[in-house]
């Protein structure tokens, strides 16, 4: 398929296997956004995301709201 878009593309040497990040399952149905934000903050090649309780997720959500509301970029 890529040969159609990029005729000079050579697929030899590329590894097209799926790879999955080492992340924990969230403990609720509404923490996915918080998990994504925390994963992006904490992720390195060798790390695993910290496990959070529901109470910790609520506190993180409150802190993020305060960070956004009180940001210097939010002056208007």
PDB file of N, CA and C in Angstrom:
ATOM      1  N   UNK A   1       0.820  -1.203   0.000  1.00  0.00           N
ATOM      2  CA  UNK A   1       0.000   0.000   0.000  1.00  0.00           C
ATOM      3  C   UNK A   1       0.861   1.264   0.000  1.00  0.00           C
ATOM      4  N   UNK A   2       1.930   1.261   0.803  1.00  0.00           N
ATOM      5  CA  UNK A   2       2.810   2.419   0.841  1.00  0.00           C
ATOM      6  C   UNK A   2       3.516   2.633  -0.492  1.00  0.00           C
ATOM      7  N   UNK A   3       3.744   1.574  -1.235  1.00  0.00           N
ATOM      8  CA  UNK A   3       4.389   1.678  -2.548  1.00  0.00           C
ATOM      9  C   UNK A   3       3.556   2.552  -3.490  1.00  0.00           C
ATOM     10  N   UNK A   4       2.233   2.570  -3.283  1.00  0.00           N
ATOM     11  CA  UNK A   4       1.373   3.398  -4.137  1.00  0.00           C
ATOM     12  C   UNK A   4       1.605   4.871  -3.836  1.00  0.00           C
ATOM     13  N   UNK A   5       1.704   5.204  -2.547  1.00  0.00           N
ATOM     14  CA  UNK A   5       1.876   6.592  -2.127  1.00  0.00           C
ATOM     15  C   UNK A   5       3.325   7.042  -2.282  1.00  0.00           C
ATOM     16  N   UNK A   6       4.257   6.163  -1.882  1.00  0.00           N
ATOM     17  CA  UNK A   6       5.688   6.472  -1.955  1.00  0.00           C
ATOM     18  C   UNK A   6       6.355   5.360  -2.778  1.00  0.00           C
ATOM     19  N   UNK A   7       6.440   5.531  -4.080  1.00  0.00           N
ATOM     20  CA  UNK A   7       6.963   4.461  -4.943  1.00  0.00           C
ATOM     21  C   UNK A   7       8.373   3.993  -4.580  1.00  0.00           C
ATOM     22  N   UNK A   8       9.170   4.846  -3.975  1.00  0.00           N
ATOM     23  CA  UNK A   8      10.546   4.469  -3.641  1.00  0.00           C
ATOM     24  C   UNK A   8      10.658   3.823  -2.259  1.00  0.00           C
ATOM     25  N   UNK A   9       9.541   3.666  -1.559  1.00  0.00           N
ATOM     26  CA  UNK A   9       9.564   3.091  -0.214  1.00  0.00           C
ATOM     27  C   UNK A   9      10.028   1.641  -0.247  1.00  0.00           C
ATOM     28  N   UNK A  10      10.976   1.314   0.626  1.00  0.00           N
ATOM     29  CA  UNK A  10      11.473  -0.055   0.742  1.00  0.00           C
ATOM     30  C   UNK A  10      11.137  -0.556   2.136  1.00  0.00           C
ATOM     31  N   UNK A  11      10.251  -1.545   2.227  1.00  0.00           N
ATOM     32  CA  UNK A  11       9.788  -2.036   3.526  1.00  0.00           C
ATOM     33  C   UNK A  11      10.787  -2.957   4.212  1.00  0.00           C
ATOM     34  N   UNK A  12      11.811  -3.363   3.529  1.00  0.00           N
ATOM     35  CA  UNK A  12      12.806  -4.234   4.149  1.00  0.00           C
ATOM     36  C   UNK A  12      13.535  -3.453   5.243  1.00  0.00           C
ATOM     37  N   UNK A  13      13.700  -4.062   6.393  1.00  0.00           N
ATOM     38  CA  UNK A  13      14.366  -3.393   7.502  1.00  0.00           C
ATOM     39  C   UNK A  13      13.410  -2.725   8.478  1.00  0.00           C
ATOM     40  N   UNK A  14      12.125  -2.672   8.110  1.00  0.00           N
ATOM     41  CA  UNK A  14      11.128  -2.103   9.018  1.00  0.00           C
ATOM     42  C   UNK A  14      10.456  -3.221   9.798  1.00  0.00           C
ATOM     43  N   UNK A  15      10.190  -2.976  11.061  1.00  0.00           N
ATOM     44  CA  UNK A  15       9.518  -3.942  11.925  1.00  0.00           C
ATOM     45  C   UNK A  15       8.107  -3.438  12.161  1.00  0.00           C
ATOM     46  N   UNK A  16       7.119  -4.092  11.568  1.00  0.00           N
ATOM     47  CA  UNK A  16       5.745  -3.624  11.645  1.00  0.00           C
ATOM     48  C   UNK A  16       4.921  -4.349  12.713  1.00  0.00           C
ATOM     49  N   UNK A  17       5.586  -5.001  13.665  1.00  0.00           N
ATOM     50  CA  UNK A  17       4.850  -5.656  14.736  1.00  0.00           C
ATOM     51  C   UNK A  17       4.263  -4.621  15.690  1.00  0.00           C
ATOM     52  N   UNK A  18       3.137  -4.952  16.277  1.00  0.00           N
ATOM     53  CA  UNK A  18       2.508  -4.059  17.261  1.00  0.00           C
ATOM     54  C   UNK A  18       3.300  -4.086  18.557  1.00  0.00           C
ATOM     55  N   UNK A  19       3.398  -2.923  19.167  1.00  0.00           N
ATOM     56  CA  UNK A  19       4.045  -2.809  20.472  1.00  0.00           C
ATOM     57  C   UNK A  19       3.104  -2.047  21.388  1.00  0.00           C
ATOM     58  N   UNK A  20       3.074  -2.460  22.633  1.00  0.00           N
ATOM     59  CA  UNK A  20       2.171  -1.848  23.587  1.00  0.00           C
ATOM     60  C   UNK A  20       2.956  -1.299  24.775  1.00  0.00           C
ATOM     61  N   UNK A  21       2.577  -0.121  25.213  1.00  0.00           N
ATOM     62  CA  UNK A  21       3.223   0.491  26.378  1.00  0.00           C
ATOM     63  C   UNK A  21       2.811  -0.262  27.636  1.00  0.00           C
ATOM     64  N   UNK A  22       3.689  -0.267  28.627  1.00  0.00           N
ATOM     65  CA  UNK A  22       3.399  -0.913  29.902  1.00  0.00           C
ATOM     66  C   UNK A  22       2.633   0.063  30.781  1.00  0.00           C
ATOM     67  N   UNK A  23       1.321   0.001  30.715  1.00  0.00           N
ATOM     68  CA  UNK A  23       0.482   0.876  31.527  1.00  0.00           C
ATOM     69  C   UNK A  23      -0.479   0.031  32.348  1.00  0.00           C
ATOM     70  N   UNK A  24      -0.893   0.591  33.468  1.00  0.00           N
ATOM     71  CA  UNK A  24      -1.838  -0.101  34.336  1.00  0.00           C
ATOM     72  C   UNK A  24      -3.260   0.202  33.914  1.00  0.00           C
ATOM     73  N   UNK A  25      -4.171  -0.667  34.281  1.00  0.00           N
ATOM     74  CA  UNK A  25      -5.578  -0.443  33.999  1.00  0.00           C
ATOM     75  C   UNK A  25      -6.144   0.536  35.018  1.00  0.00           C
ATOM     76  N   UNK A  26      -6.938   1.472  34.536  1.00  0.00           N
ATOM     77  CA  UNK A  26      -7.526   2.459  35.439  1.00  0.00           C
ATOM     78  C   UNK A  26      -8.584   1.796  36.323  1.00  0.00           C
ATOM     79  N   UNK A  27      -8.770   2.298  37.564  1.00  0.00           N
ATOM     80  CA  UNK A  27      -9.697   1.666  38.495  1.00  0.00           C
ATOM     81  C   UNK A  27     -11.155   2.099  38.325  1.00  0.00           C
ATOM     82  N   UNK A  28     -11.451   2.928  37.326  1.00  0.00           N
ATOM     83  CA  UNK A  28     -12.817   3.418  37.147  1.00  0.00           C
ATOM     84  C   UNK A  28     -13.099   3.619  35.666  1.00  0.00           C
ATOM     85  N   UNK A  29     -14.288   4.144  35.344  1.00  0.00           N
ATOM     86  CA  UNK A  29     -14.671   4.354  33.945  1.00  0.00           C
ATOM     87  C   UNK A  29     -14.423   5.763  33.442  1.00  0.00           C
ATOM     88  N   UNK A  30     -13.992   6.677  34.315  1.00  0.00           N
ATOM     89  CA  UNK A  30     -13.851   8.063  33.882  1.00  0.00           C
ATOM     90  C   UNK A  30     -12.464   8.644  34.132  1.00  0.00           C
ATOM     91  N   UNK A  31     -11.474   7.820  34.413  1.00  0.00           N
ATOM     92  CA  UNK A  31     -10.130   8.312  34.691  1.00  0.00           C
ATOM     93  C   UNK A  31      -9.185   8.238  33.515  1.00  0.00           C
ATOM     94  N   UNK A  32      -9.696   7.885  32.331  1.00  0.00           N
ATOM     95  CA  UNK A  32      -8.791   7.659  31.200  1.00  0.00           C
ATOM     96  C   UNK A  32      -8.011   8.919  30.816  1.00  0.00           C
ATOM     97  N   UNK A  33      -8.651  10.071  30.841  1.00  0.00           N
ATOM     98  CA  UNK A  33      -7.954  11.309  30.491  1.00  0.00           C
ATOM     99  C   UNK A  33      -6.843  11.628  31.471  1.00  0.00           C
ATOM    100  N   UNK A  34      -7.117  11.416  32.752  1.00  0.00           N
ATOM    101  CA  UNK A  34      -6.102  11.654  33.787  1.00  0.00           C
ATOM    102  C   UNK A  34      -4.944  10.683  33.591  1.00  0.00           C
ATOM    103  N   UNK A  35      -5.263   9.424  33.317  1.00  0.00           N
ATOM    104  CA  UNK A  35      -4.212   8.436  33.091  1.00  0.00           C
ATOM    105  C   UNK A  35      -3.340   8.813  31.892  1.00  0.00           C
ATOM    106  N   UNK A  36      -3.951   9.305  30.829  1.00  0.00           N
ATOM    107  CA  UNK A  36      -3.179   9.716  29.654  1.00  0.00           C
ATOM    108  C   UNK A  36      -2.259  10.884  30.004  1.00  0.00           C
ATOM    109  N   UNK A  37      -2.776  11.877  30.710  1.00  0.00           N
ATOM    110  CA  UNK A  37      -1.965  13.035  31.104  1.00  0.00           C
ATOM    111  C   UNK A  37      -0.802  12.599  31.994  1.00  0.00           C
ATOM    112  N   UNK A  38      -1.082  11.780  33.004  1.00  0.00           N
ATOM    113  CA  UNK A  38      -0.023  11.327  33.918  1.00  0.00           C
ATOM    114  C   UNK A  38       0.978  10.427  33.187  1.00  0.00           C
ATOM    115  N   UNK A  39       0.494   9.606  32.269  1.00  0.00           N
ATOM    116  CA  UNK A  39       1.388   8.753  31.504  1.00  0.00           C
ATOM    117  C   UNK A  39       2.355   9.605  30.688  1.00  0.00           C
ATOM    118  N   UNK A  40       1.853  10.643  30.049  1.00  0.00           N
ATOM    119  CA  UNK A  40       2.711  11.522  29.245  1.00  0.00           C
ATOM    120  C   UNK A  40       3.729  12.250  30.125  1.00  0.00           C
ATOM    121  N   UNK A  41       3.359  12.586  31.360  1.00  0.00           N
ATOM    122  CA  UNK A  41       4.287  13.250  32.272  1.00  0.00           C
ATOM    123  C   UNK A  41       5.374  12.300  32.776  1.00  0.00           C
ATOM    124  N   UNK A  42       5.010  11.047  33.027  1.00  0.00           N
ATOM    125  CA  UNK A  42       5.921  10.109  33.694  1.00  0.00           C
ATOM    126  C   UNK A  42       6.658   9.158  32.759  1.00  0.00           C
ATOM    127  N   UNK A  43       6.212   9.024  31.525  1.00  0.00           N
ATOM    128  CA  UNK A  43       6.712   7.974  30.653  1.00  0.00           C
ATOM    129  C   UNK A  43       8.176   8.154  30.248  1.00  0.00           C
ATOM    130  N   UNK A  44       8.908   7.076  30.370  1.00  0.00           N
ATOM    131  CA  UNK A  44      10.233   6.936  29.767  1.00  0.00           C
ATOM    132  C   UNK A  44      10.284   5.527  29.201  1.00  0.00           C
ATOM    133  N   UNK A  45      11.339   5.184  28.513  1.00  0.00           N
ATOM    134  CA  UNK A  45      11.429   3.869  27.887  1.00  0.00           C
ATOM    135  C   UNK A  45      11.292   2.729  28.890  1.00  0.00           C
ATOM    136  N   UNK A  46      11.786   2.897  30.109  1.00  0.00           N
ATOM    137  CA  UNK A  46      11.829   1.789  31.064  1.00  0.00           C
ATOM    138  C   UNK A  46      10.836   1.899  32.206  1.00  0.00           C
ATOM    139  N   UNK A  47      10.021   2.935  32.226  1.00  0.00           N
ATOM    140  CA  UNK A  47       9.141   3.138  33.378  1.00  0.00           C
ATOM    141  C   UNK A  47       7.775   2.505  33.157  1.00  0.00           C
ATOM    142  N   UNK A  48       7.044   2.387  34.237  1.00  0.00           N
ATOM    143  CA  UNK A  48       5.657   1.945  34.185  1.00  0.00           C
ATOM    144  C   UNK A  48       4.834   2.994  34.927  1.00  0.00           C
ATOM    145  N   UNK A  49       3.648   3.238  34.466  1.00  0.00           N
ATOM    146  CA  UNK A  49       2.796   4.263  35.049  1.00  0.00           C
ATOM    147  C   UNK A  49       2.439   3.922  36.488  1.00  0.00           C
ATOM    148  N   UNK A  50       2.426   4.926  37.328  1.00  0.00           N
ATOM    149  CA  UNK A  50       2.058   4.767  38.732  1.00  0.00           C
ATOM    150  C   UNK A  50       0.589   4.359  38.830  1.00  0.00           C
ATOM    151  N   UNK A  51       0.290   3.454  39.738  1.00  0.00           N
ATOM    152  CA  UNK A  51      -1.106   3.066  39.982  1.00  0.00           C
ATOM    153  C   UNK A  51      -1.750   4.115  40.895  1.00  0.00           C
ATOM    154  N   UNK A  52      -2.928   4.590  40.517  1.00  0.00           N
ATOM    155  CA  UNK A  52      -3.635   5.595  41.298  1.00  0.00           C
ATOM    156  C   UNK A  52      -4.946   5.032  41.814  1.00  0.00           C
ATOM    157  N   UNK A  53      -5.306   5.420  43.029  1.00  0.00           N
ATOM    158  CA  UNK A  53      -6.613   5.062  43.575  1.00  0.00           C
ATOM    159  C   UNK A  53      -7.640   6.056  43.048  1.00  0.00           C
ATOM    160  N   UNK A  54      -8.916   5.739  43.234  1.00  0.00           N
ATOM    161  CA  UNK A  54      -9.975   6.667  42.814  1.00  0.00           C
ATOM    162  C   UNK A  54      -9.831   8.015  43.506  1.00  0.00           C
ATOM    163  N   UNK A  55      -9.476   8.006  44.796  1.00  0.00           N
ATOM    164  CA  UNK A  55      -9.293   9.252  45.547  1.00  0.00           C
ATOM    165  C   UNK A  55      -8.138  10.075  44.969  1.00  0.00           C
ATOM    166  N   UNK A  56      -7.055   9.415  44.619  1.00  0.00           N
ATOM    167  CA  UNK A  56      -5.912  10.125  44.025  1.00  0.00           C
ATOM    168  C   UNK A  56      -6.281  10.716  42.672  1.00  0.00           C
ATOM    169  N   UNK A  57      -7.076   9.991  41.890  1.00  0.00           N
ATOM    170  CA  UNK A  57      -7.504  10.514  40.584  1.00  0.00           C
ATOM    171  C   UNK A  57      -8.358  11.767  40.748  1.00  0.00           C
ATOM    172  N   UNK A  58      -9.226  11.784  41.755  1.00  0.00           N
ATOM    173  CA  UNK A  58     -10.046  12.967  42.025  1.00  0.00           C
ATOM    174  C   UNK A  58      -9.153  14.147  42.382  1.00  0.00           C
ATOM    175  N   UNK A  59      -8.153  13.922  43.234  1.00  0.00           N
ATOM    176  CA  UNK A  59      -7.240  14.999  43.631  1.00  0.00           C
ATOM    177  C   UNK A  59      -6.404  15.487  42.452  1.00  0.00           C
ATOM    178  N   UNK A  60      -5.946  14.582  41.616  1.00  0.00           N
ATOM    179  CA  UNK A  60      -5.175  14.978  40.428  1.00  0.00           C
ATOM    180  C   UNK A  60      -6.040  15.812  39.498  1.00  0.00           C
ATOM    181  N   UNK A  61      -7.306  15.403  39.335  1.00  0.00           N
ATOM    182  CA  UNK A  61      -8.232  16.152  38.477  1.00  0.00           C
ATOM    183  C   UNK A  61      -8.422  17.577  39.014  1.00  0.00           C
ATOM    184  N   UNK A  62      -8.570  17.716  40.336  1.00  0.00           N
ATOM    185  CA  UNK A  62      -8.725  19.043  40.946  1.00  0.00           C
ATOM    186  C   UNK A  62      -7.483  19.902  40.722  1.00  0.00           C
ATOM    187  N   UNK A  63      -6.308  19.301  40.871  1.00  0.00           N
ATOM    188  CA  UNK A  63      -5.056  20.039  40.661  1.00  0.00           C
ATOM    189  C   UNK A  63      -4.928  20.499  39.212  1.00  0.00           C
ATOM    190  N   UNK A  64      -5.319  19.645  38.262  1.00  0.00           N
ATOM    191  CA  UNK A  64      -5.251  20.031  36.859  1.00  0.00           C
ATOM    192  C   UNK A  64      -6.199  21.183  36.546  1.00  0.00           C
ATOM    193  N   UNK A  65      -7.391  21.158  37.133  1.00  0.00           N
ATOM    194  CA  UNK A  65      -8.343  22.258  36.933  1.00  0.00           C
ATOM    195  C   UNK A  65      -7.756  23.556  37.478  1.00  0.00           C
ATOM    196  N   UNK A  66      -7.154  23.506  38.661  1.00  0.00           N
ATOM    197  CA  UNK A  66      -6.534  24.702  39.233  1.00  0.00           C
ATOM    198  C   UNK A  66      -5.371  25.190  38.366  1.00  0.00           C
ATOM    199  N   UNK A  67      -4.550  24.270  37.885  1.00  0.00           N
ATOM    200  CA  UNK A  67      -3.430  24.648  37.011  1.00  0.00           C
ATOM    201  C   UNK A  67      -3.917  25.371  35.765  1.00  0.00           C
ATOM    202  N   UNK A  68      -5.003  24.874  35.179  1.00  0.00           N
ATOM    203  CA  UNK A  68      -5.542  25.501  33.968  1.00  0.00           C
ATOM    204  C   UNK A  68      -6.176  26.848  34.299  1.00  0.00           C
ATOM    205  N   UNK A  69      -7.008  26.889  35.338  1.00  0.00           N
ATOM    206  CA  UNK A  69      -7.726  28.121  35.695  1.00  0.00           C
ATOM    207  C   UNK A  69      -6.785  29.230  36.149  1.00  0.00           C
ATOM    208  N   UNK A  70      -5.697  28.876  36.843  1.00  0.00           N
ATOM    209  CA  UNK A  70      -4.785  29.884  37.378  1.00  0.00           C
ATOM    210  C   UNK A  70      -3.550  30.112  36.511  1.00  0.00           C
ATOM    211  N   UNK A  71      -3.542  29.533  35.329  1.00  0.00           N
ATOM    212  CA  UNK A  71      -2.391  29.674  34.431  1.00  0.00           C
ATOM    213  C   UNK A  71      -2.191  31.124  33.995  1.00  0.00           C
ATOM    214  N   UNK A  72      -0.941  31.499  33.809  1.00  0.00           N
ATOM    215  CA  UNK A  72      -0.627  32.840  33.292  1.00  0.00           C
ATOM    216  C   UNK A  72      -1.151  33.024  31.878  1.00  0.00           C
ATOM    217  N   UNK A  73      -1.357  31.941  31.159  1.00  0.00           N
ATOM    218  CA  UNK A  73      -1.901  32.010  29.786  1.00  0.00           C
ATOM    219  C   UNK A  73      -3.412  32.257  29.783  1.00  0.00           C
ATOM    220  N   UNK A  74      -4.033  32.162  30.937  1.00  0.00           N
ATOM    221  CA  UNK A  74      -5.472  32.293  31.052  1.00  0.00           C
ATOM    222  C   UNK A  74      -5.815  33.656  31.656  1.00  0.00           C
ATOM    223  N   UNK A  75      -5.385  34.720  30.998  1.00  0.00           N
ATOM    224  CA  UNK A  75      -5.529  36.070  31.561  1.00  0.00           C
ATOM    225  C   UNK A  75      -6.738  36.829  31.035  1.00  0.00           C
ATOM    226  N   UNK A  76      -7.359  36.370  29.997  1.00  0.00           N
ATOM    227  CA  UNK A  76      -8.506  37.125  29.434  1.00  0.00           C
ATOM    228  C   UNK A  76      -9.814  36.565  29.877  1.00  0.00           C
TER     229      UNK A  76
END
